[in-house]
N, C-alpha and C. Protein backbone atom coordinates (compact mmCIF):
# COMPACT_ATOMS: atom_id res chain seq x y z
N MET A 1 117.41 92.28 90.37
CA MET A 1 117.33 91.64 91.68
C MET A 1 116.66 92.55 92.69
N GLY A 2 117.06 93.83 92.76
CA GLY A 2 116.41 94.76 93.67
C GLY A 2 117.14 94.94 94.98
N THR A 3 116.63 95.85 95.76
CA THR A 3 117.18 96.21 97.05
C THR A 3 116.19 95.83 98.13
N HIS A 4 116.71 95.29 99.23
CA HIS A 4 115.85 94.89 100.33
C HIS A 4 116.10 95.79 101.54
N LEU A 5 115.05 96.49 101.98
CA LEU A 5 115.14 97.37 103.15
C LEU A 5 114.48 96.71 104.34
N LEU A 6 115.17 96.74 105.47
CA LEU A 6 114.58 96.34 106.74
C LEU A 6 114.07 97.61 107.41
N LEU A 7 112.80 97.62 107.77
CA LEU A 7 112.17 98.79 108.40
C LEU A 7 112.00 98.49 109.88
N ILE A 8 112.53 99.36 110.74
CA ILE A 8 112.45 99.15 112.18
C ILE A 8 111.84 100.38 112.85
N SER A 9 110.69 100.16 113.48
CA SER A 9 110.05 101.22 114.26
C SER A 9 110.53 101.09 115.70
N GLY A 10 110.87 102.21 116.29
CA GLY A 10 111.28 102.22 117.69
C GLY A 10 110.11 102.28 118.65
N SER A 11 108.90 102.29 118.13
CA SER A 11 107.72 102.41 118.97
C SER A 11 107.10 101.05 119.23
N THR A 12 106.65 100.86 120.44
CA THR A 12 105.92 99.64 120.81
C THR A 12 104.43 99.93 120.97
N ARG A 13 104.04 101.15 120.71
CA ARG A 13 102.66 101.59 120.94
C ARG A 13 101.76 101.24 119.75
N THR A 14 100.63 100.66 120.04
CA THR A 14 99.62 100.43 119.01
C THR A 14 99.17 101.80 118.51
N GLY A 15 99.05 101.95 117.21
CA GLY A 15 98.63 103.23 116.65
C GLY A 15 99.77 104.21 116.49
N SER A 16 100.98 103.76 116.61
CA SER A 16 102.15 104.63 116.50
C SER A 16 102.25 105.27 115.11
N THR A 17 102.53 106.57 115.08
CA THR A 17 102.75 107.25 113.81
C THR A 17 104.05 106.78 113.16
N ASN A 18 105.01 106.37 113.97
CA ASN A 18 106.28 105.86 113.45
C ASN A 18 106.05 104.56 112.69
N THR A 19 105.32 103.64 113.31
CA THR A 19 105.02 102.37 112.66
C THR A 19 104.12 102.59 111.45
N ALA A 20 103.17 103.50 111.56
CA ALA A 20 102.29 103.80 110.42
C ALA A 20 103.10 104.32 109.24
N ALA A 21 104.10 105.13 109.50
CA ALA A 21 104.95 105.64 108.41
C ALA A 21 105.64 104.48 107.70
N LEU A 22 106.19 103.56 108.46
CA LEU A 22 106.91 102.44 107.84
C LEU A 22 105.94 101.47 107.15
N ARG A 23 104.78 101.26 107.75
CA ARG A 23 103.77 100.39 107.12
C ARG A 23 103.33 101.00 105.77
N THR A 24 103.18 102.31 105.75
CA THR A 24 102.81 103.00 104.51
C THR A 24 103.95 102.95 103.50
N LEU A 25 105.18 103.10 103.97
CA LEU A 25 106.32 103.02 103.08
C LEU A 25 106.35 101.66 102.37
N GLN A 26 105.95 100.61 103.07
CA GLN A 26 105.88 99.29 102.43
C GLN A 26 104.96 99.33 101.22
N GLN A 27 103.86 100.06 101.33
CA GLN A 27 102.88 100.14 100.24
C GLN A 27 103.37 100.97 99.06
N VAL A 28 104.21 101.96 99.34
CA VAL A 28 104.60 102.91 98.29
C VAL A 28 106.04 102.75 97.83
N ALA A 29 106.73 101.76 98.35
CA ALA A 29 108.13 101.56 97.95
C ALA A 29 108.21 101.41 96.43
N PRO A 30 109.10 102.16 95.81
CA PRO A 30 109.23 102.09 94.35
C PRO A 30 109.60 100.68 93.88
N GLN A 31 109.29 100.41 92.63
CA GLN A 31 109.61 99.12 92.04
C GLN A 31 111.10 98.85 92.21
N GLY A 32 111.43 97.62 92.53
CA GLY A 32 112.82 97.23 92.74
C GLY A 32 113.26 97.32 94.18
N ILE A 33 112.37 97.83 95.04
CA ILE A 33 112.68 97.90 96.48
C ILE A 33 111.70 97.00 97.22
N SER A 34 112.22 95.98 97.88
CA SER A 34 111.38 95.15 98.74
C SER A 34 111.63 95.55 100.18
N THR A 35 110.65 95.32 101.03
CA THR A 35 110.76 95.75 102.42
C THR A 35 110.30 94.65 103.36
N HIS A 36 110.79 94.72 104.58
CA HIS A 36 110.28 93.88 105.66
C HIS A 36 110.14 94.78 106.87
N LEU A 37 108.94 94.84 107.43
CA LEU A 37 108.70 95.62 108.65
C LEU A 37 108.94 94.72 109.84
N TYR A 38 110.00 94.99 110.56
CA TYR A 38 110.35 94.21 111.74
C TYR A 38 109.28 94.43 112.80
N ASP A 39 108.71 93.34 113.30
CA ASP A 39 107.59 93.47 114.24
C ASP A 39 107.79 92.68 115.54
N GLU A 40 109.05 92.44 115.90
CA GLU A 40 109.31 91.66 117.10
C GLU A 40 110.02 92.45 118.20
N LEU A 41 109.94 93.76 118.16
CA LEU A 41 110.64 94.59 119.14
C LEU A 41 110.27 94.20 120.57
N THR A 42 109.00 93.92 120.81
CA THR A 42 108.57 93.60 122.18
C THR A 42 108.92 92.18 122.59
N THR A 43 109.36 91.34 121.65
CA THR A 43 109.72 89.96 122.00
C THR A 43 111.19 89.81 122.36
N LEU A 44 111.99 90.83 122.08
CA LEU A 44 113.41 90.73 122.38
C LEU A 44 113.64 90.76 123.89
N PRO A 45 114.36 89.78 124.41
CA PRO A 45 114.67 89.83 125.83
C PRO A 45 115.69 90.94 126.11
N ALA A 46 115.82 91.30 127.35
CA ALA A 46 116.83 92.29 127.71
C ALA A 46 118.20 91.78 127.31
N PHE A 47 119.01 92.67 126.77
CA PHE A 47 120.35 92.29 126.34
C PHE A 47 121.18 91.86 127.54
N VAL A 48 121.81 90.71 127.39
CA VAL A 48 122.72 90.20 128.41
C VAL A 48 124.04 89.88 127.70
N PRO A 49 125.10 90.63 127.98
CA PRO A 49 126.38 90.36 127.32
C PRO A 49 126.80 88.90 127.52
N GLY A 50 127.23 88.28 126.43
CA GLY A 50 127.71 86.90 126.51
C GLY A 50 126.61 85.86 126.53
N ASP A 51 125.35 86.27 126.35
CA ASP A 51 124.24 85.32 126.34
C ASP A 51 124.40 84.40 125.13
N ASP A 52 124.67 83.13 125.39
CA ASP A 52 124.91 82.19 124.30
C ASP A 52 124.25 80.87 124.64
N PRO A 53 123.49 80.25 123.81
CA PRO A 53 123.19 80.73 122.46
C PRO A 53 122.17 81.86 122.50
N SER A 54 122.06 82.54 121.37
CA SER A 54 121.12 83.66 121.28
C SER A 54 119.70 83.17 121.41
N PRO A 55 118.86 83.89 122.14
CA PRO A 55 117.44 83.54 122.20
C PRO A 55 116.83 83.61 120.80
N PRO A 56 115.79 82.80 120.51
CA PRO A 56 115.20 82.78 119.16
C PRO A 56 114.84 84.15 118.59
N PRO A 57 114.26 85.09 119.37
CA PRO A 57 113.95 86.40 118.78
C PRO A 57 115.21 87.13 118.30
N VAL A 58 116.31 86.94 118.98
CA VAL A 58 117.56 87.59 118.59
C VAL A 58 118.12 86.93 117.32
N THR A 59 118.01 85.63 117.24
CA THR A 59 118.43 84.92 116.03
C THR A 59 117.64 85.41 114.83
N ARG A 60 116.33 85.59 115.00
CA ARG A 60 115.50 86.10 113.90
C ARG A 60 115.89 87.53 113.52
N LEU A 61 116.16 88.37 114.52
CA LEU A 61 116.60 89.74 114.25
C LEU A 61 117.88 89.71 113.42
N ARG A 62 118.82 88.90 113.82
CA ARG A 62 120.09 88.83 113.09
C ARG A 62 119.88 88.34 111.66
N HIS A 63 118.96 87.42 111.48
CA HIS A 63 118.64 86.94 110.13
C HIS A 63 118.09 88.09 109.28
N HIS A 64 117.18 88.87 109.84
CA HIS A 64 116.60 90.01 109.10
C HIS A 64 117.67 91.05 108.77
N LEU A 65 118.56 91.32 109.71
CA LEU A 65 119.63 92.29 109.46
C LEU A 65 120.58 91.79 108.37
N ALA A 66 120.92 90.51 108.40
CA ALA A 66 121.83 89.95 107.40
C ALA A 66 121.20 89.98 106.00
N ALA A 67 119.89 89.79 105.93
CA ALA A 67 119.20 89.75 104.64
C ALA A 67 118.98 91.14 104.04
N ALA A 68 119.11 92.17 104.85
CA ALA A 68 118.82 93.54 104.39
C ALA A 68 120.03 94.19 103.74
N ASP A 69 119.76 94.92 102.66
CA ASP A 69 120.79 95.74 102.04
C ASP A 69 120.99 97.03 102.83
N ALA A 70 119.94 97.47 103.52
CA ALA A 70 119.98 98.69 104.32
C ALA A 70 118.86 98.62 105.35
N VAL A 71 118.98 99.46 106.38
CA VAL A 71 117.98 99.51 107.45
C VAL A 71 117.47 100.95 107.56
N LEU A 72 116.15 101.07 107.62
CA LEU A 72 115.52 102.37 107.78
C LEU A 72 114.77 102.39 109.10
N PHE A 73 115.15 103.28 109.99
CA PHE A 73 114.54 103.41 111.31
C PHE A 73 113.53 104.54 111.32
N CYS A 74 112.55 104.42 112.19
CA CYS A 74 111.60 105.49 112.46
C CYS A 74 111.25 105.35 113.93
N THR A 75 111.62 106.33 114.74
CA THR A 75 111.47 106.15 116.18
C THR A 75 110.96 107.40 116.87
N PRO A 76 110.15 107.20 117.89
CA PRO A 76 109.73 108.34 118.71
C PRO A 76 110.85 108.71 119.69
N GLU A 77 110.63 109.79 120.37
CA GLU A 77 111.52 110.21 121.43
C GLU A 77 110.82 109.97 122.76
N TYR A 78 111.47 109.23 123.65
CA TYR A 78 110.94 108.99 124.99
C TYR A 78 111.95 109.53 125.99
N ALA A 79 111.53 110.39 126.85
CA ALA A 79 112.40 110.96 127.89
C ALA A 79 113.69 111.54 127.28
N GLY A 80 113.56 112.15 126.10
CA GLY A 80 114.67 112.84 125.48
C GLY A 80 115.62 111.97 124.67
N LEU A 81 115.35 110.66 124.58
CA LEU A 81 116.24 109.75 123.86
C LEU A 81 115.43 108.75 123.04
N ILE A 82 116.12 107.78 122.42
CA ILE A 82 115.40 106.70 121.75
C ILE A 82 114.76 105.83 122.83
N PRO A 83 113.66 105.18 122.53
CA PRO A 83 113.02 104.30 123.51
C PRO A 83 113.94 103.16 123.92
N GLY A 84 113.77 102.69 125.14
CA GLY A 84 114.58 101.60 125.67
C GLY A 84 114.50 100.34 124.84
N ALA A 85 113.32 100.04 124.29
CA ALA A 85 113.18 98.82 123.49
C ALA A 85 114.06 98.88 122.23
N LEU A 86 114.15 100.05 121.60
CA LEU A 86 115.01 100.18 120.43
C LEU A 86 116.48 100.13 120.84
N LYS A 87 116.82 100.76 121.93
CA LYS A 87 118.21 100.70 122.44
C LYS A 87 118.59 99.25 122.73
N ASN A 88 117.66 98.48 123.29
CA ASN A 88 117.91 97.07 123.57
C ASN A 88 118.19 96.31 122.27
N LEU A 89 117.38 96.56 121.23
CA LEU A 89 117.61 95.93 119.93
C LEU A 89 119.02 96.24 119.44
N LEU A 90 119.40 97.50 119.51
CA LEU A 90 120.71 97.90 119.03
C LEU A 90 121.83 97.30 119.87
N GLU A 91 121.61 97.15 121.17
CA GLU A 91 122.62 96.52 122.03
C GLU A 91 122.89 95.08 121.62
N TRP A 92 121.86 94.37 121.13
CA TRP A 92 122.05 93.00 120.68
C TRP A 92 122.98 92.93 119.47
N THR A 93 123.20 94.05 118.77
CA THR A 93 124.04 94.04 117.57
C THR A 93 125.49 94.41 117.86
N VAL A 94 125.80 94.84 119.06
CA VAL A 94 127.14 95.34 119.36
C VAL A 94 128.21 94.26 119.21
N GLY A 95 128.08 93.17 119.92
CA GLY A 95 129.13 92.15 119.93
C GLY A 95 129.23 91.33 118.66
N THR A 96 128.19 91.34 117.85
CA THR A 96 128.18 90.51 116.65
C THR A 96 128.36 91.33 115.37
N ALA A 97 128.46 92.61 115.48
CA ALA A 97 128.69 93.51 114.35
C ALA A 97 127.61 93.38 113.26
N ASP A 98 126.38 93.10 113.67
CA ASP A 98 125.28 92.94 112.70
C ASP A 98 125.03 94.21 111.89
N LEU A 99 125.33 95.37 112.45
CA LEU A 99 125.11 96.62 111.74
C LEU A 99 126.41 97.26 111.24
N SER A 100 127.54 96.63 111.48
CA SER A 100 128.81 97.19 111.06
C SER A 100 128.84 97.34 109.54
N ALA A 101 129.07 98.56 109.09
CA ALA A 101 129.12 98.94 107.68
C ALA A 101 127.78 98.79 106.95
N LYS A 102 126.72 98.48 107.66
CA LYS A 102 125.39 98.37 107.05
C LYS A 102 124.85 99.78 106.82
N PRO A 103 124.42 100.11 105.60
CA PRO A 103 123.83 101.42 105.35
C PRO A 103 122.52 101.58 106.14
N VAL A 104 122.39 102.70 106.83
CA VAL A 104 121.20 102.99 107.63
C VAL A 104 120.79 104.44 107.44
N ALA A 105 119.52 104.69 107.70
CA ALA A 105 119.00 106.06 107.71
C ALA A 105 117.78 106.05 108.62
N TRP A 106 117.18 107.21 108.81
CA TRP A 106 115.99 107.29 109.63
C TRP A 106 115.04 108.35 109.09
N ILE A 107 113.79 108.13 109.45
CA ILE A 107 112.73 109.11 109.19
C ILE A 107 112.27 109.59 110.56
N THR A 108 112.20 110.88 110.73
CA THR A 108 111.64 111.46 111.95
C THR A 108 110.25 111.96 111.60
N VAL A 109 109.23 111.47 112.32
CA VAL A 109 107.86 111.89 112.03
C VAL A 109 107.38 112.99 112.97
N ALA A 110 108.19 113.35 113.94
CA ALA A 110 107.83 114.43 114.87
C ALA A 110 107.85 115.77 114.14
N VAL A 111 107.02 116.68 114.61
CA VAL A 111 107.01 118.03 114.04
C VAL A 111 108.34 118.71 114.39
N PRO A 112 108.76 119.69 113.57
CA PRO A 112 110.00 120.40 113.88
C PRO A 112 110.01 120.91 115.32
N GLY A 113 111.17 120.78 115.94
CA GLY A 113 111.32 121.18 117.33
C GLY A 113 111.10 120.03 118.31
N ARG A 114 110.66 118.88 117.79
CA ARG A 114 110.45 117.69 118.63
C ARG A 114 111.23 116.54 118.00
N GLY A 115 111.59 115.55 118.80
CA GLY A 115 112.22 114.34 118.29
C GLY A 115 113.72 114.43 118.06
N ASP A 116 114.31 115.61 118.29
CA ASP A 116 115.75 115.75 118.03
C ASP A 116 116.61 114.95 119.00
N GLY A 117 116.12 114.74 120.21
CA GLY A 117 116.86 113.91 121.18
C GLY A 117 116.94 112.47 120.71
N ALA A 118 115.86 111.98 120.13
CA ALA A 118 115.86 110.60 119.61
C ALA A 118 116.83 110.50 118.44
N THR A 119 116.82 111.48 117.56
CA THR A 119 117.73 111.45 116.42
C THR A 119 119.18 111.49 116.88
N THR A 120 119.46 112.35 117.84
CA THR A 120 120.83 112.47 118.35
C THR A 120 121.29 111.17 119.01
N SER A 121 120.44 110.57 119.83
CA SER A 121 120.85 109.33 120.50
C SER A 121 120.92 108.17 119.51
N LEU A 122 120.02 108.12 118.51
CA LEU A 122 120.10 107.08 117.49
C LEU A 122 121.40 107.22 116.72
N ARG A 123 121.76 108.43 116.35
CA ARG A 123 123.02 108.68 115.64
C ARG A 123 124.21 108.19 116.49
N THR A 124 124.19 108.47 117.77
CA THR A 124 125.28 108.05 118.66
C THR A 124 125.42 106.53 118.69
N VAL A 125 124.32 105.84 118.90
CA VAL A 125 124.37 104.38 119.01
C VAL A 125 124.74 103.76 117.67
N LEU A 126 124.17 104.25 116.58
CA LEU A 126 124.50 103.71 115.26
C LEU A 126 125.98 103.95 114.93
N GLY A 127 126.51 105.07 115.36
CA GLY A 127 127.94 105.32 115.18
C GLY A 127 128.78 104.34 116.00
N TYR A 128 128.33 104.06 117.19
CA TYR A 128 129.05 103.13 118.06
C TYR A 128 129.10 101.73 117.47
N VAL A 129 128.01 101.29 116.82
CA VAL A 129 127.99 99.95 116.23
C VAL A 129 128.57 99.97 114.81
N ASP A 130 129.11 101.11 114.39
CA ASP A 130 129.80 101.27 113.11
C ASP A 130 128.88 101.10 111.90
N ALA A 131 127.61 101.48 112.07
CA ALA A 131 126.70 101.48 110.92
C ALA A 131 127.11 102.61 109.98
N ASP A 132 126.79 102.47 108.72
CA ASP A 132 127.09 103.48 107.71
C ASP A 132 125.87 104.39 107.57
N ILE A 133 125.88 105.51 108.28
CA ILE A 133 124.75 106.43 108.26
C ILE A 133 124.74 107.18 106.93
N ILE A 134 123.65 107.02 106.19
CA ILE A 134 123.49 107.70 104.90
C ILE A 134 122.76 109.01 105.18
N GLU A 135 123.54 110.06 105.39
CA GLU A 135 122.99 111.36 105.80
C GLU A 135 121.95 111.88 104.81
N SER A 136 122.20 111.69 103.52
CA SER A 136 121.30 112.22 102.50
C SER A 136 119.92 111.56 102.54
N ALA A 137 119.82 110.42 103.20
CA ALA A 137 118.54 109.70 103.28
C ALA A 137 117.82 109.93 104.60
N CYS A 138 118.44 110.60 105.55
CA CYS A 138 117.80 110.89 106.83
C CYS A 138 116.89 112.10 106.62
N THR A 139 115.63 111.97 107.02
CA THR A 139 114.67 113.02 106.71
C THR A 139 113.62 113.17 107.79
N ARG A 140 112.93 114.28 107.73
CA ARG A 140 111.80 114.54 108.62
C ARG A 140 110.54 114.63 107.77
N ILE A 141 109.55 113.83 108.13
CA ILE A 141 108.24 113.85 107.47
C ILE A 141 107.21 113.92 108.60
N PRO A 142 106.81 115.12 109.01
CA PRO A 142 105.87 115.23 110.13
C PRO A 142 104.56 114.47 109.86
N ILE A 143 104.18 113.65 110.82
CA ILE A 143 102.94 112.88 110.74
C ILE A 143 102.23 112.99 112.08
N LEU A 144 100.97 113.37 112.02
CA LEU A 144 100.15 113.48 113.22
C LEU A 144 99.28 112.23 113.36
N SER A 145 98.82 111.95 114.55
CA SER A 145 97.92 110.81 114.76
C SER A 145 96.71 110.89 113.85
N ALA A 146 96.21 112.10 113.60
CA ALA A 146 95.04 112.29 112.75
C ALA A 146 95.32 111.91 111.29
N ASP A 147 96.60 111.81 110.91
CA ASP A 147 96.96 111.44 109.54
C ASP A 147 96.84 109.93 109.30
N VAL A 148 96.74 109.15 110.38
CA VAL A 148 96.74 107.69 110.28
C VAL A 148 95.31 107.18 110.16
N ALA A 149 95.06 106.37 109.13
CA ALA A 149 93.73 105.79 108.89
C ALA A 149 93.51 104.59 109.82
N ALA A 150 92.29 104.10 109.83
CA ALA A 150 91.94 102.98 110.70
C ALA A 150 92.76 101.73 110.41
N ASP A 151 93.24 101.58 109.16
CA ASP A 151 94.04 100.39 108.82
C ASP A 151 95.51 100.54 109.20
N GLY A 152 95.87 101.65 109.86
CA GLY A 152 97.24 101.85 110.32
C GLY A 152 98.20 102.38 109.26
N THR A 153 97.65 102.86 108.14
CA THR A 153 98.48 103.47 107.11
C THR A 153 98.08 104.94 106.95
N ILE A 154 98.82 105.63 106.12
CA ILE A 154 98.60 107.06 105.93
C ILE A 154 98.12 107.30 104.50
N PRO A 155 96.89 107.78 104.34
CA PRO A 155 96.35 107.97 102.99
C PRO A 155 96.82 109.24 102.28
N SER A 156 97.38 110.19 102.99
CA SER A 156 97.78 111.47 102.39
C SER A 156 98.74 111.25 101.22
N PRO A 157 98.35 111.68 100.01
CA PRO A 157 99.25 111.53 98.85
C PRO A 157 100.59 112.22 99.06
N ASP A 158 100.58 113.38 99.72
CA ASP A 158 101.82 114.11 99.94
C ASP A 158 102.77 113.31 100.84
N ILE A 159 102.25 112.79 101.94
CA ILE A 159 103.07 112.00 102.86
C ILE A 159 103.56 110.73 102.17
N ARG A 160 102.68 110.08 101.43
CA ARG A 160 103.05 108.86 100.71
C ARG A 160 104.18 109.13 99.72
N THR A 161 104.12 110.26 99.03
CA THR A 161 105.19 110.63 98.10
C THR A 161 106.50 110.84 98.84
N HIS A 162 106.45 111.53 99.98
CA HIS A 162 107.66 111.76 100.77
C HIS A 162 108.25 110.45 101.27
N LEU A 163 107.40 109.51 101.66
CA LEU A 163 107.89 108.21 102.13
C LEU A 163 108.56 107.43 101.00
N ALA A 164 107.96 107.44 99.83
CA ALA A 164 108.56 106.76 98.67
C ALA A 164 109.91 107.40 98.34
N THR A 165 109.98 108.72 98.42
CA THR A 165 111.23 109.43 98.16
C THR A 165 112.30 109.05 99.18
N ALA A 166 111.90 108.88 100.44
CA ALA A 166 112.86 108.47 101.47
C ALA A 166 113.46 107.11 101.14
N ALA A 167 112.63 106.17 100.70
CA ALA A 167 113.13 104.85 100.32
C ALA A 167 114.08 104.96 99.12
N GLU A 168 113.70 105.77 98.14
CA GLU A 168 114.55 105.98 96.96
C GLU A 168 115.89 106.61 97.34
N SER A 169 115.86 107.58 98.26
CA SER A 169 117.09 108.26 98.67
C SER A 169 118.06 107.29 99.32
N LEU A 170 117.53 106.39 100.14
CA LEU A 170 118.40 105.43 100.81
C LEU A 170 118.97 104.44 99.80
N THR A 171 118.14 103.91 98.94
CA THR A 171 118.64 102.92 97.98
C THR A 171 119.57 103.55 96.94
N ALA A 172 119.35 104.80 96.59
CA ALA A 172 120.21 105.48 95.62
C ALA A 172 121.63 105.65 96.17
N ALA A 173 121.76 105.71 97.48
CA ALA A 173 123.07 105.91 98.10
C ALA A 173 123.83 104.61 98.33
N LEU A 174 123.19 103.48 98.05
CA LEU A 174 123.85 102.19 98.28
C LEU A 174 124.89 101.92 97.20
N PRO A 175 125.93 101.20 97.56
CA PRO A 175 126.91 100.83 96.53
C PRO A 175 126.23 99.97 95.47
N ALA A 176 126.71 100.07 94.26
CA ALA A 176 126.15 99.26 93.17
C ALA A 176 126.30 97.78 93.49
N GLN A 177 125.27 97.02 93.19
CA GLN A 177 125.31 95.58 93.39
C GLN A 177 126.27 94.96 92.38
N PRO A 178 127.15 94.07 92.84
CA PRO A 178 128.05 93.45 91.88
C PRO A 178 127.28 92.59 90.89
N LYS A 179 127.74 92.61 89.65
CA LYS A 179 127.09 91.79 88.62
C LYS A 179 127.54 90.35 88.80
N LEU A 180 126.58 89.45 88.65
CA LEU A 180 126.90 88.03 88.70
C LEU A 180 127.48 87.62 87.36
N PRO A 181 128.43 86.69 87.36
CA PRO A 181 129.00 86.24 86.10
C PRO A 181 127.88 85.76 85.17
N GLY A 182 127.91 86.20 83.94
CA GLY A 182 126.92 85.77 82.96
C GLY A 182 125.61 86.53 83.02
N ALA A 183 125.47 87.47 83.96
CA ALA A 183 124.21 88.23 84.09
C ALA A 183 124.15 89.28 83.00
N THR A 184 122.94 89.51 82.49
CA THR A 184 122.75 90.55 81.49
C THR A 184 121.65 91.47 81.95
N HIS A 185 121.60 92.63 81.36
CA HIS A 185 120.54 93.58 81.71
C HIS A 185 119.35 93.39 80.86
């Protein structure tokens, strides 16, 4: 059956190295891992507690979260924290427990010494929504703008290998899928 990863970039910028990393991960995901790159971050309205019914972009977000076995984030650091658009996405999950017990991890593409504020604030918010942070799958893969090709992916074999390994690390930490009655290997 396989594992389904939801990939969420915290960047809204065209040409983002964070989005390029996730787009590339889609290409190199090992067999048995399917992915969906969430691309509606800019369509989410500002979170309003008690907003009912949910606006269509929020309904779609919840559908993607429910369909995912795990979520892999990749986010830049803005003003020392995660970007407001990503925080807004996460706020939409608070009252509905969309991320509660959901396995999550992140890739940091910033060079060492940068991006730690984003990681710290992402960890805080994910802890608040009771996501299951898979520490062994959280990694740093430095990516520069010059590493991104015109098609928005990263051609470097080394980076591509690291991205595939990140996907494998997250899926390896997931609980075993229950066998369906009558299923055989």
